Amino acid sequence: SVVIQECYVQNTAREYAKLYAAEAEPLEGFGEVPEIIPIFLIHRPANCIPYATVEEELVGEFVKYSVKDGKEVNFLRRDSEAGQKCCTFQHWVYEKTNGNLLVTDLQGVGMRLTDVGIATLAKGYKGFKGNCSFSFIEQFRALHQCNEYCEMLGLKSLRTTHQKQRKATSTKSKNLPNSATLKKMVPKKAREHRDFISSEH
C-alpha cells in the first residue's frame, strides 16, 4: 500500500537523519541539525480507507530545501542555514551508502522536515524500495555544491568525479560533424531554459 510505503520511506530517512545528527552535533560550530519528524501508520478497520498516516503538524513557513529531480533548484536553500544543512545531509547519506541511496524532497519548517523521498541506485538496495527515480542520484551528483557544513564533516567533493565525466563526453562530441553537434545541443538548452522559467512560478 502507498500509505505503508510512505511510512517506511520517511521513517528510514529519519533513521539516517539521527545518525547524521550524532556525527554533526558534536562538531564545533555546526549547531542545530535538521530532523525528519516521525510518521505513524494507523489502522481503522471500520473505515472505507482502513490505513492512514498521522504526523505532527508543522506550523510556520513551509520551505522546499532540496533538489527534487535536478530541474527544481530552490534558491532559498542556498542562503538559509537549514537549506545548506539539508544539502550536506544528502551528501552525507550519499557518501555513507557509497552512492547507493539519496534522501530527496527535503522540505519542512525550519530544521523540522517531512514528506521526504528516497531514491536508490539499484532496485531493492538493502531490501529497500525507494519511491523516487534513481536518476535523482545522478542529478544530485551533478548539481550538488559543497558548503561549509560538508567541509566540517569532511565529505569529499562530488565535482571532481563529475568533471572527469564531462571532459570525457566533451572530447567525444568534438569528433562529430558540427551540424550533428548543433542538433543535439540546441533543443536541450531550450528545454532546460523552459524548465527553469516554469519552476520560478
N, C-alpha and C. Protein backbone atom coordinates (compact mmCIF):
# COMPACT_ATOMS: atom_id res chain seq x y z
N SER A 1 0.83 -1.20 0.00
CA SER A 1 0.00 0.00 0.00
C SER A 1 0.87 1.25 0.00
N VAL A 2 0.36 2.31 -0.64
CA VAL A 2 1.08 3.58 -0.76
C VAL A 2 1.35 4.17 0.62
N VAL A 3 0.36 4.05 1.50
CA VAL A 3 0.46 4.62 2.85
C VAL A 3 1.57 3.94 3.65
N ILE A 4 1.65 2.62 3.55
CA ILE A 4 2.69 1.87 4.26
C ILE A 4 4.07 2.27 3.71
N GLN A 5 4.15 2.38 2.39
CA GLN A 5 5.40 2.78 1.73
C GLN A 5 5.85 4.16 2.21
N GLU A 6 4.89 5.08 2.31
CA GLU A 6 5.16 6.45 2.76
C GLU A 6 5.78 6.45 4.17
N CYS A 7 5.22 5.63 5.04
CA CYS A 7 5.74 5.49 6.41
C CYS A 7 7.15 4.93 6.40
N TYR A 8 7.34 3.91 5.59
CA TYR A 8 8.62 3.23 5.50
C TYR A 8 9.71 4.18 5.00
N VAL A 9 9.39 4.95 3.97
CA VAL A 9 10.34 5.91 3.39
C VAL A 9 10.73 6.96 4.44
N GLN A 10 9.72 7.60 5.02
CA GLN A 10 10.02 8.70 5.95
C GLN A 10 10.76 8.21 7.19
N ASN A 11 10.35 7.07 7.74
CA ASN A 11 11.00 6.58 8.96
C ASN A 11 12.40 6.03 8.69
N THR A 12 12.64 5.52 7.46
CA THR A 12 14.00 5.11 7.09
C THR A 12 14.89 6.35 7.00
N ALA A 13 14.39 7.39 6.33
CA ALA A 13 15.14 8.64 6.20
C ALA A 13 15.40 9.24 7.58
N ARG A 14 14.42 9.09 8.47
CA ARG A 14 14.55 9.61 9.85
C ARG A 14 15.72 8.93 10.57
N GLU A 15 15.88 7.63 10.36
CA GLU A 15 17.00 6.90 10.99
C GLU A 15 18.34 7.43 10.49
N TYR A 16 18.42 7.70 9.18
CA TYR A 16 19.66 8.29 8.63
C TYR A 16 19.91 9.68 9.24
N ALA A 17 18.84 10.45 9.40
CA ALA A 17 18.96 11.81 9.96
C ALA A 17 19.46 11.75 11.41
N LYS A 18 19.05 10.72 12.16
CA LYS A 18 19.53 10.57 13.55
C LYS A 18 21.02 10.28 13.58
N LEU A 19 21.49 9.42 12.66
CA LEU A 19 22.92 9.09 12.57
C LEU A 19 23.74 10.32 12.17
N TYR A 20 23.16 11.09 11.23
CA TYR A 20 23.80 12.34 10.76
C TYR A 20 23.93 13.31 11.94
N ALA A 21 22.86 13.46 12.73
CA ALA A 21 22.86 14.36 13.88
C ALA A 21 23.93 13.94 14.90
N ALA A 22 24.04 12.63 15.13
CA ALA A 22 25.02 12.12 16.10
C ALA A 22 26.45 12.46 15.68
N GLU A 23 26.68 12.50 14.36
CA GLU A 23 28.02 12.82 13.84
C GLU A 23 28.26 14.33 13.77
N ALA A 24 27.21 15.08 13.43
CA ALA A 24 27.36 16.53 13.20
C ALA A 24 27.28 17.37 14.48
N GLU A 25 26.37 17.02 15.38
CA GLU A 25 26.16 17.84 16.58
C GLU A 25 27.43 18.10 17.41
N PRO A 26 28.29 17.08 17.63
CA PRO A 26 29.48 17.35 18.46
C PRO A 26 30.51 18.27 17.80
N LEU A 27 30.40 18.50 16.47
CA LEU A 27 31.38 19.34 15.77
C LEU A 27 31.23 20.80 16.19
N GLU A 28 32.36 21.42 16.47
CA GLU A 28 32.34 22.81 16.93
C GLU A 28 31.82 23.72 15.80
N GLY A 29 30.82 24.51 16.13
CA GLY A 29 30.28 25.46 15.16
C GLY A 29 29.22 24.91 14.23
N PHE A 30 28.92 23.60 14.32
CA PHE A 30 27.90 23.05 13.42
C PHE A 30 26.50 23.53 13.82
N GLY A 31 26.21 23.46 15.12
CA GLY A 31 24.91 23.96 15.61
C GLY A 31 23.79 22.96 15.39
N GLU A 32 22.57 23.50 15.25
CA GLU A 32 21.37 22.65 15.15
C GLU A 32 21.40 21.80 13.88
N VAL A 33 20.87 20.58 13.98
CA VAL A 33 20.88 19.65 12.85
C VAL A 33 19.43 19.39 12.40
N PRO A 34 19.18 19.31 11.08
CA PRO A 34 17.81 19.02 10.63
C PRO A 34 17.30 17.69 11.18
N GLU A 35 16.00 17.66 11.45
CA GLU A 35 15.35 16.44 11.98
C GLU A 35 14.19 16.08 11.07
N ILE A 36 14.05 14.80 10.76
CA ILE A 36 12.89 14.34 9.99
C ILE A 36 11.88 13.82 11.00
N ILE A 37 10.70 14.41 11.01
CA ILE A 37 9.73 14.04 12.05
C ILE A 37 9.15 12.65 11.79
N PRO A 38 8.76 11.94 12.86
CA PRO A 38 8.21 10.59 12.65
C PRO A 38 6.82 10.62 12.03
N ILE A 39 6.49 9.57 11.31
CA ILE A 39 5.16 9.42 10.73
C ILE A 39 4.62 8.07 11.20
N PHE A 40 3.37 8.04 11.61
CA PHE A 40 2.80 6.82 12.19
C PHE A 40 1.68 6.27 11.31
N LEU A 41 1.61 4.96 11.26
CA LEU A 41 0.57 4.27 10.50
C LEU A 41 -0.54 3.89 11.46
N ILE A 42 -1.78 4.25 11.12
CA ILE A 42 -2.90 3.82 11.97
C ILE A 42 -3.87 2.95 11.17
N HIS A 43 -4.46 2.00 11.87
CA HIS A 43 -5.39 1.06 11.24
C HIS A 43 -6.80 1.38 11.74
N ARG A 44 -7.71 1.56 10.79
CA ARG A 44 -9.11 1.87 11.14
C ARG A 44 -10.00 0.85 10.44
N PRO A 45 -10.22 -0.32 11.05
CA PRO A 45 -10.94 -1.41 10.37
C PRO A 45 -12.34 -1.05 9.88
N ALA A 46 -13.02 -0.15 10.58
CA ALA A 46 -14.40 0.19 10.20
C ALA A 46 -14.46 1.22 9.07
N ASN A 47 -13.34 1.81 8.73
CA ASN A 47 -13.32 2.88 7.73
C ASN A 47 -13.13 2.30 6.33
N CYS A 48 -13.69 2.98 5.31
CA CYS A 48 -13.52 2.51 3.93
C CYS A 48 -12.06 2.64 3.48
N ILE A 49 -11.31 3.55 4.12
CA ILE A 49 -9.85 3.61 3.90
C ILE A 49 -9.23 3.12 5.22
N PRO A 50 -8.89 1.80 5.27
CA PRO A 50 -8.51 1.23 6.57
C PRO A 50 -7.18 1.69 7.15
N TYR A 51 -6.26 2.18 6.27
CA TYR A 51 -4.97 2.64 6.77
C TYR A 51 -4.78 4.12 6.50
N ALA A 52 -4.21 4.81 7.46
CA ALA A 52 -3.92 6.24 7.30
C ALA A 52 -2.62 6.56 8.03
N THR A 53 -2.05 7.72 7.72
CA THR A 53 -0.84 8.13 8.44
C THR A 53 -1.14 9.35 9.30
N VAL A 54 -0.42 9.43 10.40
CA VAL A 54 -0.58 10.55 11.33
C VAL A 54 0.80 11.11 11.60
N GLU A 55 0.90 12.44 11.55
CA GLU A 55 2.16 13.07 11.96
C GLU A 55 1.86 14.43 12.55
N GLU A 56 2.83 14.94 13.25
CA GLU A 56 2.70 16.24 13.89
C GLU A 56 2.54 17.32 12.82
N GLU A 57 1.72 18.31 13.08
CA GLU A 57 1.54 19.41 12.13
C GLU A 57 2.67 20.42 12.34
N LEU A 58 3.35 20.78 11.26
CA LEU A 58 4.42 21.77 11.36
C LEU A 58 3.83 23.15 11.11
N VAL A 59 4.05 24.04 12.06
CA VAL A 59 3.46 25.38 11.97
C VAL A 59 4.56 26.38 11.61
N GLY A 60 4.29 27.19 10.60
CA GLY A 60 5.26 28.19 10.16
C GLY A 60 5.42 28.15 8.66
N GLU A 61 6.45 28.83 8.14
CA GLU A 61 6.66 28.88 6.69
C GLU A 61 7.25 27.57 6.20
N PHE A 62 6.54 26.92 5.29
CA PHE A 62 6.95 25.62 4.74
C PHE A 62 7.87 25.87 3.55
N VAL A 63 9.07 25.34 3.60
CA VAL A 63 10.06 25.59 2.54
C VAL A 63 10.56 24.27 1.96
N LYS A 64 10.69 24.22 0.64
CA LYS A 64 11.32 23.07 -0.04
C LYS A 64 12.81 23.40 -0.12
N TYR A 65 13.64 22.59 0.51
CA TYR A 65 15.07 22.90 0.55
C TYR A 65 15.88 22.21 -0.53
N SER A 66 15.49 21.01 -0.90
CA SER A 66 16.41 20.22 -1.72
C SER A 66 16.00 20.15 -3.18
N VAL A 67 16.96 19.69 -3.98
CA VAL A 67 16.71 19.48 -5.39
C VAL A 67 15.83 18.25 -5.51
N LYS A 68 14.69 18.40 -6.17
CA LYS A 68 13.77 17.27 -6.28
C LYS A 68 14.24 16.31 -7.38
N ASP A 69 14.44 16.83 -8.58
CA ASP A 69 14.79 15.91 -9.67
C ASP A 69 15.83 16.53 -10.61
N GLY A 70 16.55 17.50 -10.09
CA GLY A 70 17.59 18.11 -10.92
C GLY A 70 17.11 19.35 -11.64
N LYS A 71 15.79 19.50 -11.82
CA LYS A 71 15.28 20.69 -12.51
C LYS A 71 14.84 21.73 -11.49
N GLU A 72 14.44 21.27 -10.31
CA GLU A 72 13.86 22.18 -9.34
C GLU A 72 14.91 22.58 -8.30
N VAL A 73 15.61 23.66 -8.57
CA VAL A 73 16.61 24.14 -7.63
C VAL A 73 15.98 25.29 -6.86
N ASN A 74 15.95 25.19 -5.54
CA ASN A 74 15.33 26.24 -4.74
C ASN A 74 16.42 27.19 -4.25
N PHE A 75 16.38 28.43 -4.73
CA PHE A 75 17.43 29.38 -4.39
C PHE A 75 17.38 29.81 -2.93
N LEU A 76 16.22 29.66 -2.29
CA LEU A 76 16.11 29.99 -0.86
C LEU A 76 17.07 29.14 -0.04
N ARG A 77 17.29 27.91 -0.51
CA ARG A 77 18.10 26.98 0.28
C ARG A 77 19.55 27.41 0.38
N ARG A 78 20.04 28.12 -0.63
CA ARG A 78 21.45 28.50 -0.65
C ARG A 78 21.77 29.46 0.48
N ASP A 79 20.84 30.36 0.77
CA ASP A 79 21.09 31.38 1.77
C ASP A 79 20.74 30.91 3.18
N SER A 80 19.91 29.90 3.30
CA SER A 80 19.47 29.51 4.63
C SER A 80 20.36 28.43 5.22
N GLU A 81 20.54 28.53 6.52
CA GLU A 81 21.34 27.55 7.26
C GLU A 81 20.70 26.17 7.15
N ALA A 82 19.36 26.12 7.30
CA ALA A 82 18.65 24.83 7.22
C ALA A 82 18.84 24.21 5.84
N GLY A 83 18.74 25.03 4.79
CA GLY A 83 18.89 24.54 3.42
C GLY A 83 20.27 23.96 3.17
N GLN A 84 21.30 24.65 3.64
CA GLN A 84 22.67 24.17 3.45
C GLN A 84 22.88 22.87 4.21
N LYS A 85 22.32 22.79 5.42
CA LYS A 85 22.48 21.57 6.23
C LYS A 85 21.70 20.40 5.64
N CYS A 86 20.61 20.69 4.94
CA CYS A 86 19.85 19.64 4.23
C CYS A 86 20.69 19.09 3.09
N CYS A 87 21.34 19.99 2.34
CA CYS A 87 22.18 19.56 1.22
C CYS A 87 23.35 18.73 1.72
N THR A 88 23.91 19.13 2.88
CA THR A 88 25.00 18.37 3.49
C THR A 88 24.50 17.00 3.93
N PHE A 89 23.27 16.96 4.46
CA PHE A 89 22.67 15.68 4.87
C PHE A 89 22.56 14.75 3.66
N GLN A 90 22.11 15.29 2.52
CA GLN A 90 22.01 14.48 1.30
C GLN A 90 23.38 13.94 0.90
N HIS A 91 24.39 14.80 0.95
CA HIS A 91 25.74 14.41 0.59
C HIS A 91 26.26 13.34 1.55
N TRP A 92 25.98 13.53 2.84
CA TRP A 92 26.42 12.59 3.88
C TRP A 92 25.81 11.20 3.65
N VAL A 93 24.50 11.14 3.38
CA VAL A 93 23.83 9.86 3.13
C VAL A 93 24.40 9.21 1.86
N TYR A 94 24.58 10.03 0.83
CA TYR A 94 25.13 9.55 -0.44
C TYR A 94 26.50 8.89 -0.21
N GLU A 95 27.34 9.56 0.59
CA GLU A 95 28.68 9.01 0.87
C GLU A 95 28.61 7.78 1.76
N LYS A 96 27.76 7.81 2.79
CA LYS A 96 27.61 6.69 3.73
C LYS A 96 27.16 5.41 3.01
N THR A 97 26.32 5.56 2.00
CA THR A 97 25.78 4.40 1.29
C THR A 97 26.54 4.13 -0.02
N ASN A 98 27.73 4.73 -0.15
CA ASN A 98 28.55 4.58 -1.36
C ASN A 98 27.80 4.94 -2.65
N GLY A 99 26.97 5.97 -2.56
CA GLY A 99 26.25 6.46 -3.73
C GLY A 99 25.04 5.61 -4.10
N ASN A 100 24.64 4.71 -3.20
CA ASN A 100 23.50 3.82 -3.49
C ASN A 100 22.15 4.39 -3.09
N LEU A 101 22.15 5.36 -2.19
CA LEU A 101 20.88 5.88 -1.69
C LEU A 101 20.97 7.39 -1.51
N LEU A 102 19.86 8.06 -1.78
CA LEU A 102 19.79 9.51 -1.62
C LEU A 102 18.44 9.88 -1.02
N VAL A 103 18.46 10.73 0.00
CA VAL A 103 17.20 11.25 0.56
C VAL A 103 16.88 12.51 -0.24
N THR A 104 15.69 12.56 -0.82
CA THR A 104 15.31 13.67 -1.70
C THR A 104 14.11 14.43 -1.10
N ASP A 105 13.69 15.46 -1.80
CA ASP A 105 12.49 16.22 -1.39
C ASP A 105 12.56 16.67 0.06
N LEU A 106 13.69 17.24 0.47
CA LEU A 106 13.78 17.71 1.85
C LEU A 106 13.01 19.01 1.97
N GLN A 107 11.99 18.99 2.82
CA GLN A 107 11.10 20.15 2.95
C GLN A 107 10.51 20.18 4.34
N GLY A 108 10.17 21.37 4.79
CA GLY A 108 9.57 21.48 6.11
C GLY A 108 9.62 22.90 6.64
N VAL A 109 9.53 23.02 7.96
CA VAL A 109 9.54 24.32 8.63
C VAL A 109 10.81 24.38 9.46
N GLY A 110 11.68 25.32 9.12
CA GLY A 110 12.96 25.43 9.83
C GLY A 110 13.75 24.14 9.66
N MET A 111 14.18 23.58 10.80
CA MET A 111 15.00 22.35 10.76
C MET A 111 14.15 21.09 10.88
N ARG A 112 12.81 21.24 10.90
CA ARG A 112 11.95 20.08 11.05
C ARG A 112 11.36 19.71 9.71
N LEU A 113 11.68 18.50 9.24
CA LEU A 113 11.35 18.10 7.86
C LEU A 113 10.32 16.99 7.81
N THR A 114 9.57 16.96 6.70
CA THR A 114 8.56 15.91 6.50
C THR A 114 8.37 15.64 5.01
N ASP A 115 7.62 14.60 4.70
CA ASP A 115 7.24 14.28 3.31
C ASP A 115 8.45 14.13 2.40
N VAL A 116 9.48 13.44 2.90
CA VAL A 116 10.71 13.27 2.13
C VAL A 116 10.59 12.09 1.17
N GLY A 117 11.54 11.98 0.27
CA GLY A 117 11.57 10.86 -0.66
C GLY A 117 12.91 10.13 -0.55
N ILE A 118 12.98 8.95 -1.14
CA ILE A 118 14.25 8.22 -1.19
C ILE A 118 14.43 7.66 -2.59
N ALA A 119 15.63 7.87 -3.13
CA ALA A 119 16.00 7.28 -4.43
C ALA A 119 17.11 6.27 -4.18
N THR A 120 17.01 5.10 -4.80
CA THR A 120 18.08 4.11 -4.68
C THR A 120 18.63 3.81 -6.07
N LEU A 121 19.93 3.57 -6.13
CA LEU A 121 20.59 3.33 -7.40
C LEU A 121 20.12 2.01 -8.02
N ALA A 122 19.99 0.98 -7.18
CA ALA A 122 19.53 -0.32 -7.66
C ALA A 122 18.22 -0.67 -6.95
N LYS A 123 17.30 -1.31 -7.67
CA LYS A 123 16.04 -1.71 -7.04
C LYS A 123 16.34 -2.70 -5.93
N GLY A 124 15.70 -2.48 -4.78
CA GLY A 124 15.88 -3.41 -3.68
C GLY A 124 17.21 -3.27 -2.95
N TYR A 125 17.84 -2.07 -3.02
CA TYR A 125 19.07 -1.84 -2.26
C TYR A 125 18.78 -2.06 -0.78
N LYS A 126 19.51 -2.98 -0.14
CA LYS A 126 19.30 -3.37 1.27
C LYS A 126 17.83 -3.76 1.51
N GLY A 127 17.19 -4.33 0.49
CA GLY A 127 15.79 -4.73 0.62
C GLY A 127 14.84 -3.55 0.63
N PHE A 128 15.34 -2.38 0.24
CA PHE A 128 14.55 -1.16 0.35
C PHE A 128 13.97 -0.72 -0.97
N LYS A 129 12.68 -0.45 -0.98
CA LYS A 129 12.03 0.08 -2.19
C LYS A 129 12.00 1.59 -2.07
N GLY A 130 12.70 2.27 -2.98
CA GLY A 130 12.65 3.73 -2.98
C GLY A 130 11.36 4.19 -3.66
N ASN A 131 11.02 5.47 -3.50
CA ASN A 131 9.81 5.98 -4.16
C ASN A 131 10.16 7.08 -5.16
N CYS A 132 11.47 7.22 -5.47
CA CYS A 132 11.91 8.21 -6.45
C CYS A 132 12.81 7.54 -7.48
N SER A 133 12.89 8.14 -8.64
CA SER A 133 13.71 7.60 -9.72
C SER A 133 15.20 7.64 -9.36
N PHE A 134 15.95 6.61 -9.78
CA PHE A 134 17.39 6.60 -9.49
C PHE A 134 18.10 7.74 -10.21
N SER A 135 17.47 8.32 -11.24
CA SER A 135 18.11 9.44 -11.96
C SER A 135 18.30 10.65 -11.04
N PHE A 136 17.54 10.71 -9.94
CA PHE A 136 17.70 11.80 -8.97
C PHE A 136 19.12 11.77 -8.42
N ILE A 137 19.68 10.54 -8.26
CA ILE A 137 21.03 10.39 -7.71
C ILE A 137 22.04 11.00 -8.67
N GLU A 138 21.90 10.70 -9.97
CA GLU A 138 22.81 11.26 -10.98
C GLU A 138 22.72 12.79 -11.00
N GLN A 139 21.50 13.29 -10.91
CA GLN A 139 21.31 14.74 -10.95
C GLN A 139 21.85 15.42 -9.71
N PHE A 140 21.70 14.76 -8.57
CA PHE A 140 22.26 15.31 -7.32
C PHE A 140 23.78 15.40 -7.45
N ARG A 141 24.38 14.32 -7.95
CA ARG A 141 25.83 14.25 -8.08
C ARG A 141 26.33 15.39 -9.00
N ALA A 142 25.55 15.69 -10.03
CA ALA A 142 25.94 16.73 -10.98
C ALA A 142 25.73 18.14 -10.42
N LEU A 143 24.70 18.33 -9.60
CA LEU A 143 24.32 19.67 -9.17
C LEU A 143 24.78 20.08 -7.78
N HIS A 144 25.10 19.12 -6.92
CA HIS A 144 25.43 19.45 -5.54
C HIS A 144 26.68 20.32 -5.45
N GLN A 145 26.55 21.39 -4.67
CA GLN A 145 27.71 22.25 -4.41
C GLN A 145 28.01 22.16 -2.92
N CYS A 146 29.21 21.71 -2.60
CA CYS A 146 29.58 21.56 -1.19
C CYS A 146 29.57 22.93 -0.49
N ASN A 147 29.22 22.92 0.78
CA ASN A 147 29.23 24.15 1.58
C ASN A 147 30.07 23.92 2.83
N GLU A 148 30.07 24.89 3.74
CA GLU A 148 30.94 24.80 4.92
C GLU A 148 30.60 23.59 5.79
N TYR A 149 29.33 23.16 5.79
CA TYR A 149 28.93 22.01 6.63
C TYR A 149 29.46 20.70 6.04
N CYS A 150 29.52 20.63 4.71
CA CYS A 150 30.13 19.45 4.05
C CYS A 150 31.60 19.37 4.47
N GLU A 151 32.25 20.54 4.48
CA GLU A 151 33.67 20.60 4.85
C GLU A 151 33.87 20.18 6.30
N MET A 152 32.99 20.66 7.19
CA MET A 152 33.09 20.30 8.62
C MET A 152 33.02 18.79 8.82
N LEU A 153 32.18 18.13 8.02
CA LEU A 153 32.02 16.67 8.13
C LEU A 153 33.07 15.90 7.33
N GLY A 154 33.92 16.64 6.62
CA GLY A 154 34.99 16.01 5.84
C GLY A 154 34.48 15.22 4.64
N LEU A 155 33.36 15.68 4.04
CA LEU A 155 32.81 14.97 2.88
C LEU A 155 33.61 15.31 1.63
N LYS A 156 33.78 14.32 0.78
CA LYS A 156 34.55 14.51 -0.46
C LYS A 156 33.69 15.22 -1.50
N SER A 157 34.30 16.15 -2.22
CA SER A 157 33.56 16.89 -3.26
C SER A 157 33.12 15.93 -4.37
N LEU A 158 31.90 16.13 -4.86
CA LEU A 158 31.39 15.30 -5.96
C LEU A 158 31.75 15.92 -7.31
N ARG A 159 32.25 17.13 -7.28
CA ARG A 159 32.58 17.87 -8.51
C ARG A 159 33.68 17.17 -9.29
N THR A 160 34.72 16.69 -8.58
CA THR A 160 35.88 16.13 -9.28
C THR A 160 35.49 14.96 -10.16
N THR A 161 34.67 14.04 -9.63
CA THR A 161 34.27 12.87 -10.44
C THR A 161 33.38 13.32 -11.58
N HIS A 162 32.52 14.31 -11.34
CA HIS A 162 31.61 14.76 -12.39
C HIS A 162 32.38 15.46 -13.52
N GLN A 163 33.40 16.27 -13.13
CA GLN A 163 34.17 16.99 -14.14
C GLN A 163 34.92 16.02 -15.06
N LYS A 164 35.43 14.94 -14.48
CA LYS A 164 36.11 13.93 -15.28
C LYS A 164 35.17 13.36 -16.34
N GLN A 165 33.93 13.08 -15.90
CA GLN A 165 32.93 12.53 -16.84
C GLN A 165 32.63 13.53 -17.95
N ARG A 166 32.52 14.80 -17.58
CA ARG A 166 32.19 15.83 -18.57
C ARG A 166 33.31 16.00 -19.59
N LYS A 167 34.56 15.93 -19.10
CA LYS A 167 35.70 16.03 -20.03
C LYS A 167 35.65 14.89 -21.05
N ALA A 168 35.33 13.72 -20.57
CA ALA A 168 35.27 12.54 -21.44
C ALA A 168 34.19 12.72 -22.51
N THR A 169 33.03 13.25 -22.13
CA THR A 169 31.95 13.42 -23.11
C THR A 169 32.25 14.56 -24.07
N SER A 170 32.92 15.63 -23.59
CA SER A 170 33.19 16.76 -24.48
C SER A 170 34.20 16.37 -25.56
N THR A 171 35.17 15.49 -25.26
CA THR A 171 36.12 15.08 -26.29
C THR A 171 35.42 14.24 -27.35
N LYS A 172 34.46 13.44 -26.93
CA LYS A 172 33.70 12.62 -27.89
C LYS A 172 32.94 13.51 -28.86
N SER A 173 32.31 14.57 -28.35
CA SER A 173 31.46 15.40 -29.20
C SER A 173 32.28 16.15 -30.26
N LYS A 174 33.61 16.35 -30.00
CA LYS A 174 34.45 17.03 -30.98
C LYS A 174 34.59 16.22 -32.27
N ASN A 175 34.49 14.91 -32.15
CA ASN A 175 34.63 14.04 -33.32
C ASN A 175 33.40 14.08 -34.23
N LEU A 176 32.30 14.58 -33.71
CA LEU A 176 31.06 14.61 -34.50
C LEU A 176 31.09 15.78 -35.48
N PRO A 177 30.40 15.65 -36.61
CA PRO A 177 30.30 16.81 -37.52
C PRO A 177 29.56 17.94 -36.80
N ASN A 178 29.85 19.18 -37.16
CA ASN A 178 29.27 20.33 -36.48
C ASN A 178 27.75 20.33 -36.48
N SER A 179 27.14 19.97 -37.62
CA SER A 179 25.68 20.00 -37.70
C SER A 179 25.06 19.05 -36.68
N ALA A 180 25.66 17.86 -36.51
CA ALA A 180 25.12 16.87 -35.56
C ALA A 180 25.23 17.41 -34.15
N THR A 181 26.34 18.07 -33.84
CA THR A 181 26.53 18.63 -32.51
C THR A 181 25.48 19.70 -32.25
N LEU A 182 25.25 20.56 -33.23
CA LEU A 182 24.27 21.62 -33.07
C LEU A 182 22.88 21.06 -32.85
N LYS A 183 22.51 20.06 -33.63
CA LYS A 183 21.18 19.46 -33.49
C LYS A 183 20.98 18.92 -32.08
N LYS A 184 22.03 18.33 -31.54
CA LYS A 184 21.93 17.75 -30.20
C LYS A 184 21.86 18.84 -29.13
N MET A 185 22.64 19.90 -29.32
CA MET A 185 22.80 20.91 -28.28
C MET A 185 21.60 21.84 -28.15
N VAL A 186 21.08 22.34 -29.26
CA VAL A 186 20.09 23.41 -29.21
C VAL A 186 18.81 23.03 -28.47
N PRO A 187 18.14 21.92 -28.84
CA PRO A 187 16.88 21.63 -28.15
C PRO A 187 17.09 21.43 -26.64
N LYS A 188 18.24 20.83 -26.26
CA LYS A 188 18.49 20.56 -24.84
C LYS A 188 18.54 21.87 -24.07
N LYS A 189 19.27 22.85 -24.62
CA LYS A 189 19.39 24.15 -23.94
C LYS A 189 18.03 24.82 -23.82
N ALA A 190 17.28 24.78 -24.90
CA ALA A 190 15.96 25.41 -24.90
C ALA A 190 15.06 24.76 -23.87
N ARG A 191 15.17 23.43 -23.78
CA ARG A 191 14.33 22.68 -22.84
C ARG A 191 14.68 23.05 -21.40
N GLU A 192 15.96 23.10 -21.10
CA GLU A 192 16.40 23.44 -19.74
C GLU A 192 15.94 24.83 -19.37
N HIS A 193 16.01 25.75 -20.34
CA HIS A 193 15.63 27.13 -20.07
C HIS A 193 14.14 27.21 -19.71
N ARG A 194 13.33 26.44 -20.45
CA ARG A 194 11.90 26.45 -20.19
C ARG A 194 11.59 25.91 -18.80
N ASP A 195 12.24 24.80 -18.44
CA ASP A 195 12.02 24.21 -17.12
C ASP A 195 12.39 25.20 -16.03
N PHE A 196 13.49 25.92 -16.25
CA PHE A 196 13.96 26.87 -15.25
C PHE A 196 12.94 27.96 -15.02
N ILE A 197 12.37 28.47 -16.13
CA ILE A 197 11.37 29.55 -16.01
C ILE A 197 10.12 29.02 -15.29
N SER A 198 9.66 27.82 -15.69
CA SER A 198 8.41 27.32 -15.09
C SER A 198 8.59 27.02 -13.61
N SER A 199 9.81 26.68 -13.18
CA SER A 199 9.99 26.36 -11.75
C SER A 199 10.01 27.61 -10.89
N GLU A 200 10.15 28.77 -11.53
CA GLU A 200 10.19 30.02 -10.77
C GLU A 200 8.80 30.38 -10.22
N HIS A 201 7.73 29.94 -10.92
CA HIS A 201 6.37 30.36 -10.54
C HIS A 201 5.77 29.43 -9.53
